[in-house]
Amino acid sequence: MFSHEDHANAVERLEYSERQVDLLTRIRELGDRRIGPAAKQTDRDGAYPQAGIDALREADLIGLAVPEPYGGRGAGFQGDVVLLVLALMELASYCSSTSQVFALHNTGVQLIHAMGDEKQKRHFFDDVLRGNLFASFGSEANASRFALASTLRKTDGGFILNGKKIFATGSPGAKWAFWRSVSDDAHGNQEERYMMPVVLLSAPGVAVADDWDGMGQRGTGSGTVTADNVFVPELHIMGGPGDYSRHAPFFASQFHIHFAAQFVGIATGAYREALRYVKEKARSWSDAKSAAEDPVTQLRVGDMAAKLAAARQLVLRAARLLQAYNDRPELQAAVHVAASHAKIVATETSLDITNSVFQVMGARAATRAYGFDMYYRNARTLTLHDSVDKQRETVGKYELGLV
């Protein structure tokens, strides 16, 4: 007779490719043995998730998004888009700080793939395969959240960077960072002046302040980084002013899909812990022999399982459409809407499930000793990263034929 786990494994082998299943198996082994056990201490300490990143490094997964011809696993841009999404979803179920740092690292690697020339790709991909990490900084504390004040000015052999970034996720453990900036030498609007330098975070003039103090995602190192007359050599400039606009549709949709994947992952981790607690420790709300046999508990668990399954499938659908977009640019609008569908439902699901698990576990599960509140705090914090109402508006306009 098939067990619940056997059923799940059989379904995964139907839904995913062999290498996707192999990656999930590897991450689950790392999650059970190393990443998961360290997650609650990372949360309590508000410390960079070194145990999780070290586990990924030792498992040779830091180069997940490096293209296969350069020695990587070919996930993401112009490769297996779904593979990267599955990795982030699974990681987030064990430690969402690790998954968020890893997501931003892979954004950086993919930007090298998209925008770098052959010399740049060889240089940076080799460094990633040695275990070094990227970060990617966009946010600034300006009156307009869309305006960039970080500037690049041409000088002999390269550029001079000045600016300040907030929410600089991954900065304490990254070697490199994409520092979204505008050219002081180019003319036009921000998009036409937009530049993508890669900054060495140990370079003179760079200051990394791990001053992030959120109620959740406490290990992401999402603090402040400043650049004061930092020299950036020509080799570290990806393209020229405005070149990123060619790739913006892909990365904009992937941004939402990756966050949605992590929302689902956080909810999955909470749900997994809740099931274990119900089976081993919870008391029944009725005269049933055990909490697992209580109809009220069964109803709640069934509801959570259905919501999780729906959210997961929306994320995977969006990822598969994004992969198809590589060869079919006419899918751009459909991909953007699918990413919005996934983000809307994943947001609601993560907040609902990380709250609802307490209803099946009971009051004792709310004690600090268990740390189950970590999942809700992480979900609440990460889902604030970008207003989900923007995705609702996007879907509404699409359905009403306004885009």
Protein backbone atom coordinates (compact mmCIF):
# COMPACT_ATOMS: atom_id res chain seq x y z
CA MET A 1 0.00 0.00 0.00
CA PHE A 2 1.33 3.42 -0.99
CA SER A 3 2.10 5.83 1.85
CA HIS A 4 1.31 9.54 1.71
CA GLU A 5 4.99 10.17 0.91
CA ASP A 6 4.94 7.57 -1.88
CA HIS A 7 1.92 9.29 -3.44
CA ALA A 8 3.65 12.69 -3.28
CA ASN A 9 6.84 11.32 -4.86
CA ALA A 10 4.92 9.62 -7.66
CA VAL A 11 3.05 12.83 -8.47
CA GLU A 12 6.27 14.85 -8.51
CA ARG A 13 7.85 12.44 -10.98
CA LEU A 14 4.88 13.03 -13.28
CA GLU A 15 4.95 16.83 -12.90
CA TYR A 16 8.68 17.53 -12.99
CA SER A 17 11.72 16.52 -15.00
CA GLU A 18 14.26 14.08 -13.58
CA ARG A 19 16.74 16.82 -12.76
CA GLN A 20 14.04 18.92 -11.12
CA VAL A 21 13.10 15.97 -8.88
CA ASP A 22 16.77 15.33 -8.13
CA LEU A 23 17.25 18.95 -7.06
CA LEU A 24 14.17 18.85 -4.81
CA THR A 25 15.49 15.65 -3.22
CA ARG A 26 18.86 17.25 -2.57
CA ILE A 27 17.41 20.42 -1.06
CA ARG A 28 15.08 18.40 1.17
CA GLU A 29 18.02 16.40 2.47
CA LEU A 30 19.91 19.63 3.19
CA GLY A 31 16.77 21.17 4.68
CA ASP A 32 16.09 18.29 7.05
CA ARG A 33 19.70 17.87 8.11
CA ARG A 34 21.18 21.37 8.15
CA ILE A 35 19.12 24.30 6.90
CA GLY A 36 15.89 23.69 8.82
CA PRO A 37 17.54 23.00 12.20
CA ALA A 38 19.44 26.31 11.98
CA ALA A 39 16.49 28.46 10.82
CA LYS A 40 14.96 29.27 14.21
CA GLN A 41 18.33 30.21 15.69
CA THR A 42 18.92 32.47 12.68
CA ASP A 43 15.55 34.07 13.40
CA ARG A 44 16.22 34.50 17.13
CA ASP A 45 19.67 36.01 16.55
CA GLY A 46 18.73 38.11 13.52
CA ALA A 47 21.93 36.74 12.00
CA TYR A 48 22.96 36.14 8.39
CA PRO A 49 21.89 32.55 7.48
CA GLN A 50 25.44 31.25 7.27
CA ALA A 51 24.47 27.64 7.94
CA GLY A 52 22.01 27.64 5.04
CA ILE A 53 24.37 29.34 2.60
CA ASP A 54 27.25 27.07 3.62
CA ALA A 55 25.05 24.03 3.03
CA LEU A 56 24.19 25.26 -0.48
CA ARG A 57 27.84 26.02 -1.15
CA GLU A 58 29.04 22.60 0.00
CA ALA A 59 26.31 20.93 -2.08
CA ASP A 60 27.63 22.78 -5.16
CA LEU A 61 24.37 24.71 -5.64
CA ILE A 62 25.72 28.28 -5.60
CA GLY A 63 26.17 27.98 -9.38
CA LEU A 64 22.57 26.86 -9.96
CA ALA A 65 21.86 29.71 -12.42
CA VAL A 66 25.25 29.64 -14.13
CA PRO A 67 24.67 28.40 -17.73
CA GLU A 68 25.68 24.81 -18.38
CA PRO A 69 28.40 25.66 -20.96
CA TYR A 70 30.15 27.61 -18.17
CA GLY A 71 29.96 24.76 -15.66
CA GLY A 72 26.68 25.54 -13.90
CA ARG A 73 23.26 23.92 -13.78
CA GLY A 74 21.51 26.22 -16.26
CA ALA A 75 18.60 27.37 -14.11
CA GLY A 76 16.77 30.61 -14.85
CA PHE A 77 17.34 32.99 -17.76
CA GLN A 78 17.40 31.18 -21.13
CA GLY A 79 17.49 27.89 -19.25
CA ASP A 80 15.31 25.94 -16.84
CA VAL A 81 13.20 28.70 -15.28
CA VAL A 82 11.11 26.19 -13.30
CA LEU A 83 14.20 24.62 -11.71
CA LEU A 84 15.11 27.88 -9.99
CA VAL A 85 11.53 28.48 -8.84
CA LEU A 86 11.32 24.99 -7.34
CA ALA A 87 14.61 25.52 -5.52
CA LEU A 88 13.44 28.78 -3.93
CA MET A 89 10.06 27.34 -2.96
CA GLU A 90 11.64 24.33 -1.28
CA LEU A 91 14.35 26.36 0.46
CA ALA A 92 11.79 28.81 1.85
CA SER A 93 9.94 25.94 3.51
CA TYR A 94 13.04 25.36 5.66
CA CYS A 95 14.56 28.83 6.01
CA SER A 96 13.08 31.79 4.16
CA SER A 97 16.06 33.99 5.04
CA THR A 98 18.30 31.56 3.15
CA SER A 99 15.88 31.46 0.22
CA GLN A 100 15.66 35.25 -0.05
CA VAL A 101 19.45 35.67 0.01
CA PHE A 102 19.74 32.87 -2.57
CA ALA A 103 17.05 34.44 -4.77
CA LEU A 104 18.91 37.75 -4.96
CA HIS A 105 22.18 35.92 -5.63
CA ASN A 106 20.60 34.13 -8.57
CA THR A 107 19.16 37.40 -9.88
CA GLY A 108 22.71 38.71 -10.05
CA VAL A 109 24.00 35.59 -11.81
CA GLN A 110 21.20 35.78 -14.38
CA LEU A 111 21.90 39.46 -15.03
CA ILE A 112 25.48 38.53 -15.89
CA HIS A 113 24.07 35.94 -18.30
CA ALA A 114 21.67 38.45 -19.85
CA MET A 115 23.93 41.50 -20.10
CA GLY A 116 27.56 40.44 -19.88
CA ASP A 117 29.97 39.95 -22.76
CA GLU A 118 32.04 36.78 -23.05
CA LYS A 119 34.93 38.10 -20.95
CA GLN A 120 32.57 39.25 -18.20
CA LYS A 121 30.69 35.96 -18.17
CA ARG A 122 33.90 33.94 -17.85
CA HIS A 123 35.19 36.20 -15.08
CA PHE A 124 32.06 36.30 -12.92
CA PHE A 125 30.75 32.77 -13.54
CA ASP A 126 34.13 31.32 -12.55
CA ASP A 127 33.96 33.32 -9.34
CA VAL A 128 30.43 32.12 -8.58
CA LEU A 129 31.50 28.51 -9.14
CA ARG A 130 34.20 29.10 -6.53
CA GLY A 131 31.36 29.79 -4.09
CA ASN A 132 31.10 33.59 -4.10
CA LEU A 133 27.71 35.29 -3.92
CA PHE A 134 25.95 38.17 -5.62
CA ALA A 135 23.46 40.64 -4.22
CA SER A 136 21.24 43.03 -6.18
CA PHE A 137 20.39 46.49 -4.83
CA GLY A 138 17.61 48.72 -6.10
CA SER A 139 15.76 50.42 -3.21
CA GLU A 140 16.65 53.93 -2.10
CA ALA A 141 15.14 56.20 0.56
CA ASN A 142 13.85 58.82 -1.88
CA ALA A 143 10.46 60.55 -1.84
CA SER A 144 9.62 58.49 -4.94
CA ARG A 145 10.33 54.77 -4.56
CA PHE A 146 11.03 54.62 -8.31
CA ALA A 147 13.65 57.38 -8.49
CA LEU A 148 17.35 56.46 -8.43
CA ALA A 149 19.87 58.85 -6.87
CA SER A 150 22.87 56.52 -7.20
CA THR A 151 25.11 57.88 -9.97
CA LEU A 152 27.94 56.67 -12.18
CA ARG A 153 30.42 59.17 -13.61
CA LYS A 154 33.00 58.23 -16.26
CA THR A 155 36.65 58.34 -15.28
CA ASP A 156 39.89 56.82 -16.58
CA GLY A 157 39.50 53.05 -16.83
CA GLY A 158 35.99 52.93 -15.43
CA PHE A 159 33.42 54.87 -13.41
CA ILE A 160 32.97 56.53 -10.04
CA LEU A 161 29.90 55.39 -8.08
CA ASN A 162 28.12 57.36 -5.39
CA GLY A 163 24.88 56.36 -3.69
CA LYS A 164 23.05 54.75 -0.81
CA LYS A 165 20.88 51.63 -0.88
CA ILE A 166 18.36 50.38 1.65
CA PHE A 167 16.85 46.87 1.89
CA ALA A 168 20.23 45.64 0.61
CA THR A 169 19.37 41.95 1.04
CA GLY A 170 22.31 39.58 1.29
CA SER A 171 24.91 42.33 1.62
CA PRO A 172 26.71 40.92 4.70
CA GLY A 173 27.63 37.69 2.87
CA ALA A 174 27.90 38.72 -0.78
CA LYS A 175 31.13 39.49 -2.62
CA TRP A 176 29.48 41.35 -5.50
CA ALA A 177 26.35 43.47 -5.92
CA PHE A 178 24.46 44.84 -8.89
CA TRP A 179 24.00 48.48 -7.93
CA ARG A 180 21.16 49.94 -9.99
CA SER A 181 22.22 53.46 -10.94
CA VAL A 182 21.90 56.26 -13.47
CA SER A 183 24.65 57.68 -15.66
CA ASP A 184 25.83 61.22 -14.93
CA ASP A 185 27.20 61.39 -18.47
CA ALA A 186 24.13 60.25 -20.44
CA HIS A 187 21.09 62.39 -21.33
CA GLY A 188 17.40 61.53 -21.24
CA ASN A 189 15.01 60.06 -18.72
CA GLN A 190 15.91 57.57 -16.01
CA GLU A 191 15.33 54.53 -18.20
CA GLU A 192 17.66 55.93 -20.86
CA ARG A 193 20.35 56.66 -18.24
CA TYR A 194 19.86 53.39 -16.31
CA MET A 195 23.08 51.44 -15.71
CA MET A 196 24.01 48.13 -14.11
CA PRO A 197 27.45 48.20 -12.48
CA VAL A 198 28.73 45.23 -10.49
CA VAL A 199 30.32 46.52 -7.28
CA LEU A 200 32.90 44.72 -5.17
CA LEU A 201 31.47 45.11 -1.66
CA SER A 202 34.94 45.07 -0.10
CA ALA A 203 36.13 47.92 -2.35
CA PRO A 204 37.39 51.18 -0.77
CA GLY A 205 34.47 53.54 -0.22
CA VAL A 206 31.80 50.81 0.22
CA ALA A 207 30.25 50.55 3.68
CA VAL A 208 27.92 47.65 4.56
CA ALA A 209 25.76 48.23 7.64
CA ASP A 210 23.84 45.15 8.78
CA ASP A 211 21.20 47.33 10.45
CA TRP A 212 18.10 45.43 9.31
CA ASP A 213 15.76 44.99 12.28
CA GLY A 214 12.55 43.56 10.85
CA MET A 215 10.03 41.50 12.78
CA GLY A 216 10.51 38.76 10.17
CA GLN A 217 13.06 37.67 7.57
CA ARG A 218 15.52 38.57 10.29
CA GLY A 219 18.49 36.77 8.74
CA THR A 220 18.45 38.39 5.32
CA GLY A 221 20.95 41.17 6.08
CA SER A 222 18.60 43.64 4.39
CA GLY A 223 20.33 46.71 5.80
CA THR A 224 22.01 49.80 4.37
CA VAL A 225 24.95 49.99 1.97
CA THR A 226 26.68 53.23 0.88
CA ALA A 227 29.15 53.99 -1.89
CA ASP A 228 31.38 57.03 -1.50
CA ASN A 229 33.43 57.72 -4.65
CA VAL A 230 33.85 54.01 -5.36
CA PHE A 231 35.85 53.10 -8.44
CA VAL A 232 34.12 50.55 -10.71
CA PRO A 233 36.31 49.21 -13.55
CA GLU A 234 35.00 48.90 -17.09
CA LEU A 235 34.94 45.09 -16.78
CA HIS A 236 32.28 45.44 -14.07
CA ILE A 237 29.80 47.50 -16.12
CA MET A 238 27.07 45.39 -17.72
CA GLY A 239 26.10 47.04 -20.99
CA GLY A 240 25.56 50.77 -21.44
CA PRO A 241 22.93 53.33 -20.46
CA GLY A 242 19.44 51.99 -21.13
CA ASP A 243 20.55 48.49 -22.18
CA TYR A 244 18.72 46.80 -19.31
CA SER A 245 15.33 47.76 -20.81
CA ARG A 246 15.62 44.87 -23.30
CA HIS A 247 15.59 42.38 -20.43
CA ALA A 248 13.29 44.22 -18.02
CA PRO A 249 10.08 42.30 -18.95
CA PHE A 250 11.68 38.94 -18.12
CA PHE A 251 13.17 40.05 -14.81
CA ALA A 252 10.08 42.00 -13.76
CA SER A 253 7.88 38.93 -14.12
CA GLN A 254 10.48 36.68 -12.54
CA PHE A 255 10.67 39.06 -9.57
CA HIS A 256 7.01 38.42 -8.77
CA ILE A 257 7.20 34.68 -9.46
CA HIS A 258 10.22 34.27 -7.18
CA PHE A 259 8.52 36.08 -4.33
CA ALA A 260 5.33 34.09 -4.84
CA ALA A 261 7.38 30.87 -4.76
CA GLN A 262 8.88 31.87 -1.43
CA PHE A 263 5.47 32.79 0.00
CA VAL A 264 4.26 29.30 -0.87
CA GLY A 265 7.44 27.85 0.60
CA ILE A 266 6.94 29.64 3.94
CA ALA A 267 3.35 28.36 4.10
CA THR A 268 4.56 24.85 3.24
CA GLY A 269 7.06 24.89 6.09
CA ALA A 270 4.41 26.05 8.57
CA TYR A 271 1.97 23.42 7.32
CA ARG A 272 4.59 20.65 7.55
CA GLU A 273 5.42 21.56 11.15
CA ALA A 274 1.73 21.82 12.03
CA LEU A 275 1.02 18.31 10.72
CA ARG A 276 3.91 16.92 12.73
CA TYR A 277 2.70 18.70 15.87
CA VAL A 278 -0.90 17.54 15.41
CA LYS A 279 0.20 13.93 15.03
CA GLU A 280 2.63 13.97 17.95
CA LYS A 281 1.52 16.57 20.52
CA ALA A 282 -1.82 18.27 19.93
CA ARG A 283 -4.94 17.36 21.91
CA SER A 284 -8.30 16.76 20.30
CA TRP A 285 -10.93 19.51 20.39
CA SER A 286 -13.63 16.82 20.76
CA ASP A 287 -13.98 13.33 22.19
CA ALA A 288 -11.99 11.89 19.26
CA LYS A 289 -9.14 9.57 20.29
CA SER A 290 -6.51 11.94 18.88
CA ALA A 291 -6.19 15.39 17.38
CA ALA A 292 -5.63 13.82 13.94
CA GLU A 293 -9.00 12.05 14.22
CA ASP A 294 -10.86 15.21 15.22
CA PRO A 295 -13.25 16.28 12.38
CA VAL A 296 -12.59 19.97 13.10
CA THR A 297 -8.85 19.42 12.70
CA GLN A 298 -9.37 17.41 9.54
CA LEU A 299 -11.52 20.18 8.05
CA ARG A 300 -8.87 22.81 8.77
CA VAL A 301 -6.05 20.64 7.41
CA GLY A 302 -8.01 19.86 4.25
CA ASP A 303 -8.67 23.54 3.67
CA MET A 304 -4.99 24.44 4.09
CA ALA A 305 -3.86 21.59 1.82
CA ALA A 306 -6.19 22.71 -0.99
CA LYS A 307 -5.06 26.33 -0.75
CA LEU A 308 -1.41 25.33 -0.78
CA ALA A 309 -1.89 23.10 -3.82
CA ALA A 310 -3.68 25.87 -5.72
CA ALA A 311 -1.04 28.49 -4.91
CA ARG A 312 1.80 26.14 -5.86
CA GLN A 313 0.24 25.34 -9.23
CA LEU A 314 -0.26 29.03 -10.05
CA VAL A 315 3.42 29.69 -9.30
CA LEU A 316 4.52 26.78 -11.48
CA ARG A 317 2.19 27.83 -14.31
CA ALA A 318 3.69 31.32 -14.27
CA ALA A 319 7.22 29.87 -14.26
CA ARG A 320 6.46 27.64 -17.25
CA LEU A 321 5.01 30.55 -19.19
CA LEU A 322 8.07 32.64 -18.36
CA GLN A 323 10.26 29.86 -19.72
CA ALA A 324 8.20 29.77 -22.92
CA TYR A 325 8.61 33.56 -23.19
CA ASN A 326 12.32 33.01 -23.92
CA ASP A 327 11.33 31.84 -27.40
CA ARG A 328 7.91 33.50 -27.72
CA PRO A 329 8.07 37.21 -26.88
CA GLU A 330 4.40 37.62 -27.83
CA LEU A 331 3.61 35.96 -24.48
CA GLN A 332 4.85 38.98 -22.52
CA ALA A 333 1.41 40.19 -21.38
CA ALA A 334 0.23 36.66 -20.54
CA VAL A 335 3.36 36.02 -18.49
CA HIS A 336 2.95 39.27 -16.59
CA VAL A 337 -0.66 38.44 -15.73
CA ALA A 338 0.21 34.85 -14.75
CA ALA A 339 2.92 36.17 -12.43
CA SER A 340 0.34 38.52 -10.91
CA HIS A 341 -2.15 35.67 -10.41
CA ALA A 342 0.54 33.69 -8.61
CA LYS A 343 1.59 36.59 -6.40
CA ILE A 344 -1.97 37.49 -5.39
CA VAL A 345 -2.94 33.96 -4.39
CA ALA A 346 0.44 33.10 -2.86
CA THR A 347 0.31 36.23 -0.69
CA GLU A 348 -3.14 35.40 0.65
CA THR A 349 -2.26 31.73 1.10
CA SER A 350 0.94 32.37 3.04
CA LEU A 351 -0.71 34.82 5.43
CA ASP A 352 -3.74 32.56 5.88
CA ILE A 353 -1.89 29.31 6.51
CA THR A 354 0.84 30.70 8.77
CA ASN A 355 -1.99 32.06 10.91
CA SER A 356 -4.38 29.09 10.63
CA VAL A 357 -1.85 26.46 11.73
CA PHE A 358 -2.28 27.67 15.31
CA GLN A 359 -5.97 26.81 15.12
CA VAL A 360 -5.15 23.12 14.63
CA MET A 361 -2.16 22.99 17.00
CA GLY A 362 -3.68 24.79 19.98
CA ALA A 363 -2.52 27.32 22.56
CA ARG A 364 0.61 25.47 23.68
CA ALA A 365 2.01 25.86 20.15
CA ALA A 366 2.04 29.62 20.66
CA THR A 367 4.78 29.43 23.29
CA ARG A 368 8.20 30.78 22.43
CA ALA A 369 9.79 27.38 22.94
CA TYR A 370 8.39 26.16 19.62
CA GLY A 371 9.02 29.28 17.56
CA PHE A 372 6.13 28.60 15.18
CA ASP A 373 5.43 32.33 15.02
CA MET A 374 8.55 32.64 12.82
CA TYR A 375 6.55 31.51 9.80
CA TYR A 376 3.86 34.14 10.21
CA ARG A 377 6.36 36.94 10.88
CA ASN A 378 8.39 35.90 7.85
CA ALA A 379 5.31 35.74 5.63
CA ARG A 380 3.98 39.07 6.86
CA THR A 381 7.35 40.77 6.31
CA LEU A 382 8.23 39.27 2.93
CA THR A 383 4.76 39.87 1.47
CA LEU A 384 5.22 43.60 2.18
CA HIS A 385 8.20 43.75 -0.16
CA ASP A 386 6.02 45.04 -2.99
CA SER A 387 2.35 45.97 -2.77
CA VAL A 388 0.24 43.05 -3.99
CA ASP A 389 -2.50 45.52 -4.86
CA LYS A 390 -0.38 46.48 -7.88
CA GLN A 391 -0.80 42.92 -9.13
CA ARG A 392 -4.54 43.06 -8.52
CA GLU A 393 -4.67 46.24 -10.59
CA THR A 394 -2.64 44.58 -13.36
CA VAL A 395 -5.04 41.64 -13.55
CA GLY A 396 -8.08 43.92 -13.42
CA LYS A 397 -6.84 46.05 -16.32
CA TYR A 398 -6.04 42.93 -18.34
CA GLU A 399 -9.47 41.40 -17.77
CA LEU A 400 -11.18 44.68 -18.68
CA GLY A 401 -9.20 44.96 -21.91
CA LEU A 402 -7.33 48.09 -20.86
CA VAL A 403 -3.85 46.69 -21.58
